[in-house]
Amino acid sequence: MILILILAFLLLLTGVLGSVIPGLPGPPISYLGVLLIHFFTNSQFGPSFLWLWAFVVLLISVLDYLFQAWGVKKFGGGKTATFGTFTGLFVGFIFSPIGLLVGPFVGAFIGALIEVNGDNKRAFKVAVGSFVGFLSGTFLKLGVSLLLLYYAIHQIWFS
């Protein structure tokens, strides 16, 4: 049982890290940690808890991808700016953690510059939208992963 708890908490902590590191789906990894605790230890979560959090994790995972595209479009960007955002996100991963913040912004800016034929002011506005979308998704993922970690700790210690 101790080995299962160690693995579960490693998954929960990896989920928290995955909330800010691209390529790691933070909330789903955290949720796997909760499921390990539920199915392989004496600590049980209620069925409504498990179903609700499964839905929340799925929703947040989808919204995370949509937020950046929404931010780009809301601030006047198109497909090239959206592509630039995601390219910047993955290139920025190489220069973590600063690159994770700057990459999507720079990528959206470059993509928007191509779209708007060099209009720096408009491209900057699109890049800001991308950054807002990126931060929104990141904070939501981080919040969900931290809440799942909290509930897991609470369930282990107080059940």
Protein backbone atom coordinates (compact mmCIF):
# COMPACT_ATOMS: atom_id res chain seq x y z
CA MET A 1 0.00 0.00 0.00
CA ILE A 2 2.89 2.38 0.73
CA LEU A 3 4.23 1.86 -2.79
CA ILE A 4 0.80 2.72 -4.24
CA LEU A 5 0.64 5.90 -2.16
CA ILE A 6 4.13 6.92 -3.26
CA LEU A 7 3.20 6.33 -6.90
CA ALA A 8 -0.10 8.20 -6.46
CA PHE A 9 1.61 11.22 -4.93
CA LEU A 10 4.29 11.18 -7.63
CA LEU A 11 1.48 11.31 -10.18
CA LEU A 12 -0.22 14.13 -8.28
CA LEU A 13 3.00 16.15 -8.11
CA THR A 14 3.77 15.43 -11.77
CA GLY A 15 0.27 16.69 -12.55
CA VAL A 16 1.00 19.97 -10.77
CA LEU A 17 4.22 20.33 -12.77
CA GLY A 18 2.40 19.30 -15.94
CA SER A 19 0.03 22.19 -15.44
CA VAL A 20 2.83 24.59 -16.32
CA ILE A 21 4.97 22.39 -18.60
CA PRO A 22 3.67 21.90 -22.14
CA GLY A 23 3.33 18.34 -23.28
CA LEU A 24 2.42 17.01 -19.85
CA PRO A 25 -1.34 16.90 -19.32
CA GLY A 26 -1.35 18.07 -15.70
CA PRO A 27 -4.93 17.54 -14.52
CA PRO A 28 -5.35 14.08 -16.13
CA ILE A 29 -2.09 12.92 -14.50
CA SER A 30 -3.27 14.28 -11.15
CA TYR A 31 -6.60 12.52 -11.59
CA LEU A 32 -4.77 9.23 -12.18
CA GLY A 33 -3.15 9.72 -8.78
CA VAL A 34 -6.59 10.15 -7.19
CA LEU A 35 -7.83 7.00 -8.94
CA LEU A 36 -4.84 5.02 -7.66
CA ILE A 37 -5.65 6.11 -4.12
CA HIS A 38 -9.33 5.27 -4.57
CA PHE A 39 -8.94 1.83 -6.13
CA PHE A 40 -5.80 0.52 -4.43
CA THR A 41 -5.87 1.86 -0.86
CA ASN A 42 -8.32 1.95 2.03
CA SER A 43 -9.05 5.62 1.32
CA GLN A 44 -12.18 5.93 -0.78
CA PHE A 45 -13.57 8.92 -2.66
CA GLY A 46 -17.32 9.00 -3.29
CA PRO A 47 -18.65 8.18 -6.76
CA SER A 48 -20.02 11.70 -7.22
CA PHE A 49 -16.57 13.12 -6.38
CA LEU A 50 -14.89 10.87 -8.94
CA TRP A 51 -17.43 11.61 -11.70
CA LEU A 52 -17.44 15.36 -11.01
CA TRP A 53 -13.65 15.58 -11.11
CA ALA A 54 -13.47 13.39 -14.22
CA PHE A 55 -15.77 15.91 -15.91
CA VAL A 56 -13.78 18.90 -14.58
CA VAL A 57 -10.47 17.39 -15.74
CA LEU A 58 -11.87 16.68 -19.19
CA LEU A 59 -13.39 20.16 -19.45
CA ILE A 60 -10.21 21.93 -18.31
CA SER A 61 -8.10 19.85 -20.71
CA VAL A 62 -10.26 20.92 -23.63
CA LEU A 63 -10.50 24.54 -22.48
CA ASP A 64 -6.73 24.79 -22.12
CA TYR A 65 -6.27 24.28 -25.85
CA LEU A 66 -9.17 26.54 -26.72
CA PHE A 67 -8.12 29.48 -24.51
CA GLN A 68 -5.03 30.36 -26.53
CA ALA A 69 -6.87 30.13 -29.82
CA TRP A 70 -9.69 32.20 -28.30
CA GLY A 71 -7.23 34.82 -27.04
CA VAL A 72 -5.62 35.11 -30.47
CA LYS A 73 -8.97 35.38 -32.28
CA LYS A 74 -10.52 37.71 -29.68
CA PHE A 75 -7.62 40.13 -30.13
CA GLY A 76 -7.75 40.02 -33.93
CA GLY A 77 -5.49 37.13 -34.97
CA GLY A 78 -6.11 34.29 -37.37
CA LYS A 79 -4.74 30.85 -38.19
CA THR A 80 -1.15 31.96 -38.71
CA ALA A 81 -1.08 33.75 -35.36
CA THR A 82 -2.64 30.71 -33.67
CA PHE A 83 -0.04 28.45 -35.29
CA GLY A 84 2.67 30.86 -34.16
CA THR A 85 1.33 30.70 -30.61
CA PHE A 86 1.57 26.93 -30.44
CA THR A 87 4.94 26.88 -32.19
CA GLY A 88 6.22 29.46 -29.71
CA LEU A 89 4.88 27.36 -26.85
CA PHE A 90 6.84 24.30 -27.91
CA VAL A 91 10.00 26.22 -28.81
CA GLY A 92 9.69 28.08 -25.50
CA PHE A 93 9.68 24.74 -23.70
CA ILE A 94 13.39 24.42 -24.57
CA PHE A 95 14.10 27.61 -22.63
CA SER A 96 11.89 26.80 -19.62
CA PRO A 97 10.57 28.47 -17.49
CA ILE A 98 11.03 31.89 -19.11
CA GLY A 99 10.53 30.41 -22.57
CA LEU A 100 7.14 29.07 -21.54
CA LEU A 101 5.97 32.60 -20.87
CA VAL A 102 7.73 34.36 -23.71
CA GLY A 103 7.45 31.67 -26.43
CA PRO A 104 3.69 31.82 -27.04
CA PHE A 105 3.79 35.62 -27.01
CA VAL A 106 6.64 35.83 -29.52
CA GLY A 107 5.14 33.08 -31.68
CA ALA A 108 1.77 34.84 -31.82
CA PHE A 109 3.49 38.14 -32.55
CA ILE A 110 5.46 36.69 -35.48
CA GLY A 111 2.41 34.86 -36.81
CA ALA A 112 0.30 37.99 -36.52
CA LEU A 113 3.00 40.10 -38.24
CA ILE A 114 2.77 37.75 -41.21
CA GLU A 115 -1.03 38.00 -41.22
CA VAL A 116 -1.28 41.77 -40.92
CA ASN A 117 1.58 42.62 -43.28
CA GLY A 118 3.91 44.08 -40.67
CA ASP A 119 1.42 46.10 -38.57
CA ASN A 120 3.38 45.98 -35.29
CA LYS A 121 0.61 47.50 -33.20
CA ARG A 122 -1.99 44.97 -34.31
CA ALA A 123 0.47 42.07 -34.05
CA PHE A 124 1.32 43.12 -30.49
CA LYS A 125 -2.39 43.17 -29.60
CA VAL A 126 -2.78 39.62 -30.95
CA ALA A 127 0.28 38.49 -28.99
CA VAL A 128 -1.22 39.93 -25.80
CA GLY A 129 -4.39 37.95 -26.49
CA SER A 130 -2.35 34.79 -26.91
CA PHE A 131 -0.57 35.44 -23.63
CA VAL A 132 -3.86 36.06 -21.81
CA GLY A 133 -5.23 32.78 -23.19
CA PHE A 134 -2.08 30.90 -22.21
CA LEU A 135 -2.12 32.24 -18.65
CA SER A 136 -5.84 31.54 -18.29
CA GLY A 137 -5.41 27.90 -19.27
CA THR A 138 -2.31 27.49 -17.13
CA PHE A 139 -3.94 28.91 -14.01
CA LEU A 140 -7.03 26.74 -14.48
CA LYS A 141 -4.92 23.59 -14.92
CA LEU A 142 -2.76 24.51 -11.95
CA GLY A 143 -5.82 25.17 -9.79
CA VAL A 144 -7.40 21.83 -10.67
CA SER A 145 -4.17 19.90 -10.08
CA LEU A 146 -3.56 21.62 -6.75
CA LEU A 147 -7.13 20.92 -5.64
CA LEU A 148 -6.78 17.25 -6.53
CA LEU A 149 -3.53 17.13 -4.54
CA TYR A 150 -5.28 18.79 -1.58
CA TYR A 151 -8.22 16.35 -1.70
CA ALA A 152 -5.86 13.38 -1.93
CA ILE A 153 -3.86 14.54 1.10
CA HIS A 154 -7.05 15.25 3.00
CA GLN A 155 -8.48 11.82 2.13
CA ILE A 156 -5.32 9.98 3.21
CA TRP A 157 -4.82 11.83 6.49
CA PHE A 158 -8.42 12.29 7.60
CA SER A 159 -10.20 9.15 6.44
